[in-house]
Structures are given as structure tokens and as C-alpha cells.
Amino acid sequence: MTLPGSLPQGAGERGSGTVLAAGLGMLVMVAMALMLLLAQSAVMASRAAAAADLAALAAADALRGISAGVPCSVAADVAGRQGARISSCTEGGGNTVEIRTELVSRSMFGAATGHARAGPPP
């Protein structure tokens, strides 16, 4: 029995399941968005590392005279074809080359960078 002016039992909770489901749905969507951003960052880091590897190998070949060109120019050309630019190019001892790259396209976390060193086999 209900008293005059009071709500029936359970009426104060009407619609609370909908609010809970909507809140959980929003939480899942935010988690998925964060996962996608992290996956994008991982892919971009991999692309930057691959560009650095390829540029370093091409520059080392040019330094050793296997291919024509100035090592750092060759590295910049190869990195450019991979969607990256050279941030540093250093020729070391023993015909080695050290390259640092940065992707031209950026994510909301900034630009992805890569680092590689290449030279003749030991």
C-alpha cells in the first residue's frame, strides 16, 4: 500500500537502467578511440623506423661506392619516398652511417621518429 503523496515502490528507479547502459556505451566508445589512437601511433613508429632503416642502408651503399651519390642526399631521397624526412645524417668511422628520420605526417601525439645505423658487415 502506498501513502498519499509517495511514489509506488521502485518508481524512483525507473529509467536508471537506460542511464547505466548509456554510460557504459560511452565508456566503451572512449576506450575504443584510445585503442585506435595507440594503434595509429604504433603503425607510425614502425613506418618511421622502416624509413630510417632503408635510408641508412642506401646511404651506407653510397658511402662504400656500391651506388652513386652523396650518402646523405641518397638517404634524404629514400626517406622522402617513404614519407619521411632526415633530421640528422652522420657518417661514422668504418664506412658506417647513422640516420634519424621523422615522418612528414603527424598524429595528435606528434611526429614519429626513427633511428638506424648501417655499414659494411663486420
C-alpha atoms as a PDB file:
ATOM      1  CA  MET A   1       0.000   0.000   0.000  1.00  0.00           C
ATOM      2  CA  THR A   2       1.286   3.451  -0.845  1.00  0.00           C
ATOM      3  CA  LEU A   3       0.789   6.509   1.260  1.00  0.00           C
ATOM      4  CA  PRO A   4      -0.775   9.581  -0.310  1.00  0.00           C
ATOM      5  CA  GLY A   5       1.928  11.772  -1.929  1.00  0.00           C
ATOM      6  CA  SER A   6       4.559   8.987  -2.117  1.00  0.00           C
ATOM      7  CA  LEU A   7       5.723   7.110  -5.175  1.00  0.00           C
ATOM      8  CA  PRO A   8       4.960   3.437  -5.724  1.00  0.00           C
ATOM      9  CA  GLN A   9       7.772   1.048  -4.802  1.00  0.00           C
ATOM     10  CA  GLY A  10      10.537   1.107  -7.484  1.00  0.00           C
ATOM     11  CA  ALA A  11       9.143   4.119  -9.336  1.00  0.00           C
ATOM     12  CA  GLY A  12      12.100   6.291  -8.281  1.00  0.00           C
ATOM     13  CA  GLU A  13      14.442   3.963 -10.140  1.00  0.00           C
ATOM     14  CA  ARG A  14      12.534   3.988 -13.398  1.00  0.00           C
ATOM     15  CA  GLY A  15      14.937   4.673 -16.314  1.00  0.00           C
ATOM     16  CA  SER A  16      18.095   4.094 -14.273  1.00  0.00           C
ATOM     17  CA  GLY A  17      18.985   1.050 -16.407  1.00  0.00           C
ATOM     18  CA  THR A  18      18.900   3.227 -19.527  1.00  0.00           C
ATOM     19  CA  VAL A  19      21.239   5.767 -17.945  1.00  0.00           C
ATOM     20  CA  LEU A  20      23.589   2.968 -16.842  1.00  0.00           C
ATOM     21  CA  ALA A  21      23.601   1.394 -20.324  1.00  0.00           C
ATOM     22  CA  ALA A  22      24.250   4.765 -21.971  1.00  0.00           C
ATOM     23  CA  GLY A  23      27.135   5.435 -19.593  1.00  0.00           C
ATOM     24  CA  LEU A  24      28.681   2.036 -20.264  1.00  0.00           C
ATOM     25  CA  GLY A  25      28.255   2.563 -24.010  1.00  0.00           C
ATOM     26  CA  MET A  26      30.110   5.866 -23.797  1.00  0.00           C
ATOM     27  CA  LEU A  27      32.880   4.239 -21.760  1.00  0.00           C
ATOM     28  CA  VAL A  28      33.305   1.526 -24.404  1.00  0.00           C
ATOM     29  CA  MET A  29      33.441   4.128 -27.202  1.00  0.00           C
ATOM     30  CA  VAL A  30      36.104   6.163 -25.388  1.00  0.00           C
ATOM     31  CA  ALA A  31      38.166   3.018 -24.773  1.00  0.00           C
ATOM     32  CA  MET A  32      37.925   2.072 -28.464  1.00  0.00           C
ATOM     33  CA  ALA A  33      39.009   5.571 -29.523  1.00  0.00           C
ATOM     34  CA  LEU A  34      42.055   5.365 -27.243  1.00  0.00           C
ATOM     35  CA  MET A  35      42.926   1.921 -28.624  1.00  0.00           C
ATOM     36  CA  LEU A  36      42.724   3.260 -32.186  1.00  0.00           C
ATOM     37  CA  LEU A  37      44.993   6.197 -31.318  1.00  0.00           C
ATOM     38  CA  LEU A  38      47.546   3.858 -29.753  1.00  0.00           C
ATOM     39  CA  ALA A  39      47.404   1.545 -32.774  1.00  0.00           C
ATOM     40  CA  GLN A  40      47.914   4.532 -35.109  1.00  0.00           C
ATOM     41  CA  SER A  41      50.940   5.611 -33.062  1.00  0.00           C
ATOM     42  CA  ALA A  42      52.436   2.119 -33.265  1.00  0.00           C
ATOM     43  CA  VAL A  43      51.983   1.983 -37.036  1.00  0.00           C
ATOM     44  CA  MET A  44      53.539   5.419 -37.490  1.00  0.00           C
ATOM     45  CA  ALA A  45      56.525   4.481 -35.304  1.00  0.00           C
ATOM     46  CA  SER A  46      57.027   1.370 -37.410  1.00  0.00           C
ATOM     47  CA  ARG A  47      56.889   3.423 -40.626  1.00  0.00           C
ATOM     48  CA  ALA A  48      59.452   5.904 -39.262  1.00  0.00           C
ATOM     49  CA  ALA A  49      61.784   3.070 -38.237  1.00  0.00           C
ATOM     50  CA  ALA A  50      61.454   1.408 -41.646  1.00  0.00           C
ATOM     51  CA  ALA A  51      62.221   4.714 -43.397  1.00  0.00           C
ATOM     52  CA  ALA A  52      65.322   5.138 -41.230  1.00  0.00           C
ATOM     53  CA  ASP A  53      66.462   1.583 -41.970  1.00  0.00           C
ATOM     54  CA  LEU A  54      66.056   1.969 -45.725  1.00  0.00           C
ATOM     55  CA  ALA A  55      67.702   5.397 -45.768  1.00  0.00           C
ATOM     56  CA  ALA A  56      70.655   4.171 -43.701  1.00  0.00           C
ATOM     57  CA  LEU A  57      71.192   1.162 -45.964  1.00  0.00           C
ATOM     58  CA  ALA A  58      71.075   3.322 -49.095  1.00  0.00           C
ATOM     59  CA  ALA A  59      73.458   5.883 -47.573  1.00  0.00           C
ATOM     60  CA  ALA A  60      75.895   3.149 -46.499  1.00  0.00           C
ATOM     61  CA  ASP A  61      75.905   1.758 -50.031  1.00  0.00           C
ATOM     62  CA  ALA A  62      76.642   5.224 -51.419  1.00  0.00           C
ATOM     63  CA  LEU A  63      79.401   5.766 -48.840  1.00  0.00           C
ATOM     64  CA  ARG A  64      81.074   2.494 -49.770  1.00  0.00           C
ATOM     65  CA  GLY A  65      80.802   3.302 -53.505  1.00  0.00           C
ATOM     66  CA  ILE A  66      78.366   0.485 -54.265  1.00  0.00           C
ATOM     67  CA  SER A  67      75.836   3.012 -55.578  1.00  0.00           C
ATOM     68  CA  ALA A  68      76.284   6.528 -56.941  1.00  0.00           C
ATOM     69  CA  GLY A  69      75.558   9.701 -54.985  1.00  0.00           C
ATOM     70  CA  VAL A  70      76.362  11.591 -51.822  1.00  0.00           C
ATOM     71  CA  PRO A  71      75.338   9.411 -48.859  1.00  0.00           C
ATOM     72  CA  CYS A  72      73.159  11.942 -47.032  1.00  0.00           C
ATOM     73  CA  SER A  73      71.487  13.059 -50.292  1.00  0.00           C
ATOM     74  CA  VAL A  74      70.728   9.461 -51.175  1.00  0.00           C
ATOM     75  CA  ALA A  75      69.332   8.913 -47.667  1.00  0.00           C
ATOM     76  CA  ALA A  76      67.120  12.007 -47.941  1.00  0.00           C
ATOM     77  CA  ASP A  77      65.784  10.805 -51.294  1.00  0.00           C
ATOM     78  CA  VAL A  78      64.983   7.322 -49.976  1.00  0.00           C
ATOM     79  CA  ALA A  79      63.375   8.701 -46.808  1.00  0.00           C
ATOM     80  CA  GLY A  80      61.297  11.122 -48.869  1.00  0.00           C
ATOM     81  CA  ARG A  81      59.896   8.226 -50.899  1.00  0.00           C
ATOM     82  CA  GLN A  82      58.836   6.641 -47.601  1.00  0.00           C
ATOM     83  CA  GLY A  83      57.001   9.764 -46.398  1.00  0.00           C
ATOM     84  CA  ALA A  84      59.750  10.851 -44.005  1.00  0.00           C
ATOM     85  CA  ARG A  85      62.465  13.466 -43.807  1.00  0.00           C
ATOM     86  CA  ILE A  86      66.003  13.204 -42.469  1.00  0.00           C
ATOM     87  CA  SER A  87      66.529  15.003 -39.164  1.00  0.00           C
ATOM     88  CA  SER A  88      70.201  14.017 -38.948  1.00  0.00           C
ATOM     89  CA  CYS A  89      72.712  12.162 -41.073  1.00  0.00           C
ATOM     90  CA  THR A  90      76.143  11.319 -39.659  1.00  0.00           C
ATOM     91  CA  GLU A  91      78.945   9.476 -41.390  1.00  0.00           C
ATOM     92  CA  GLY A  92      80.919   7.490 -38.845  1.00  0.00           C
ATOM     93  CA  GLY A  93      84.138   5.566 -38.868  1.00  0.00           C
ATOM     94  CA  GLY A  94      84.378   2.259 -40.689  1.00  0.00           C
ATOM     95  CA  ASN A  95      82.047   3.377 -43.507  1.00  0.00           C
ATOM     96  CA  THR A  96      79.011   3.499 -41.232  1.00  0.00           C
ATOM     97  CA  VAL A  97      76.123   5.941 -41.491  1.00  0.00           C
ATOM     98  CA  GLU A  98      73.712   6.932 -38.724  1.00  0.00           C
ATOM     99  CA  ILE A  99      70.312   8.298 -39.760  1.00  0.00           C
ATOM    100  CA  ARG A 100      67.447   9.831 -37.786  1.00  0.00           C
ATOM    101  CA  THR A 101      64.113  10.300 -39.555  1.00  0.00           C
ATOM    102  CA  GLU A 102      60.814  11.970 -38.794  1.00  0.00           C
ATOM    103  CA  LEU A 103      57.547  11.228 -40.574  1.00  0.00           C
ATOM    104  CA  VAL A 104      56.077  14.123 -42.527  1.00  0.00           C
ATOM    105  CA  SER A 105      52.530  13.253 -41.421  1.00  0.00           C
ATOM    106  CA  ARG A 106      51.816  13.764 -37.731  1.00  0.00           C
ATOM    107  CA  SER A 107      49.344  12.280 -35.318  1.00  0.00           C
ATOM    108  CA  MET A 108      47.828  14.122 -32.398  1.00  0.00           C
ATOM    109  CA  PHE A 109      50.771  12.844 -30.319  1.00  0.00           C
ATOM    110  CA  GLY A 110      53.326  14.477 -32.637  1.00  0.00           C
ATOM    111  CA  ALA A 111      55.644  13.149 -35.304  1.00  0.00           C
ATOM    112  CA  ALA A 112      57.009   9.632 -35.196  1.00  0.00           C
ATOM    113  CA  THR A 113      60.793   9.305 -35.324  1.00  0.00           C
ATOM    114  CA  GLY A 114      63.148   6.544 -36.370  1.00  0.00           C
ATOM    115  CA  HIS A 115      66.837   5.824 -35.897  1.00  0.00           C
ATOM    116  CA  ALA A 116      69.133   3.434 -37.781  1.00  0.00           C
ATOM    117  CA  ARG A 117      72.799   2.760 -38.339  1.00  0.00           C
ATOM    118  CA  ALA A 118      74.191   0.828 -41.322  1.00  0.00           C
ATOM    119  CA  GLY A 119      77.576  -0.100 -42.693  1.00  0.00           C
ATOM    120  CA  PRO A 120      79.593  -2.959 -44.071  1.00  0.00           C
ATOM    121  CA  PRO A 121      79.397  -6.353 -42.399  1.00  0.00           C
ATOM    122  CA  PRO A 122      81.907  -6.899 -39.600  1.00  0.00           C
END
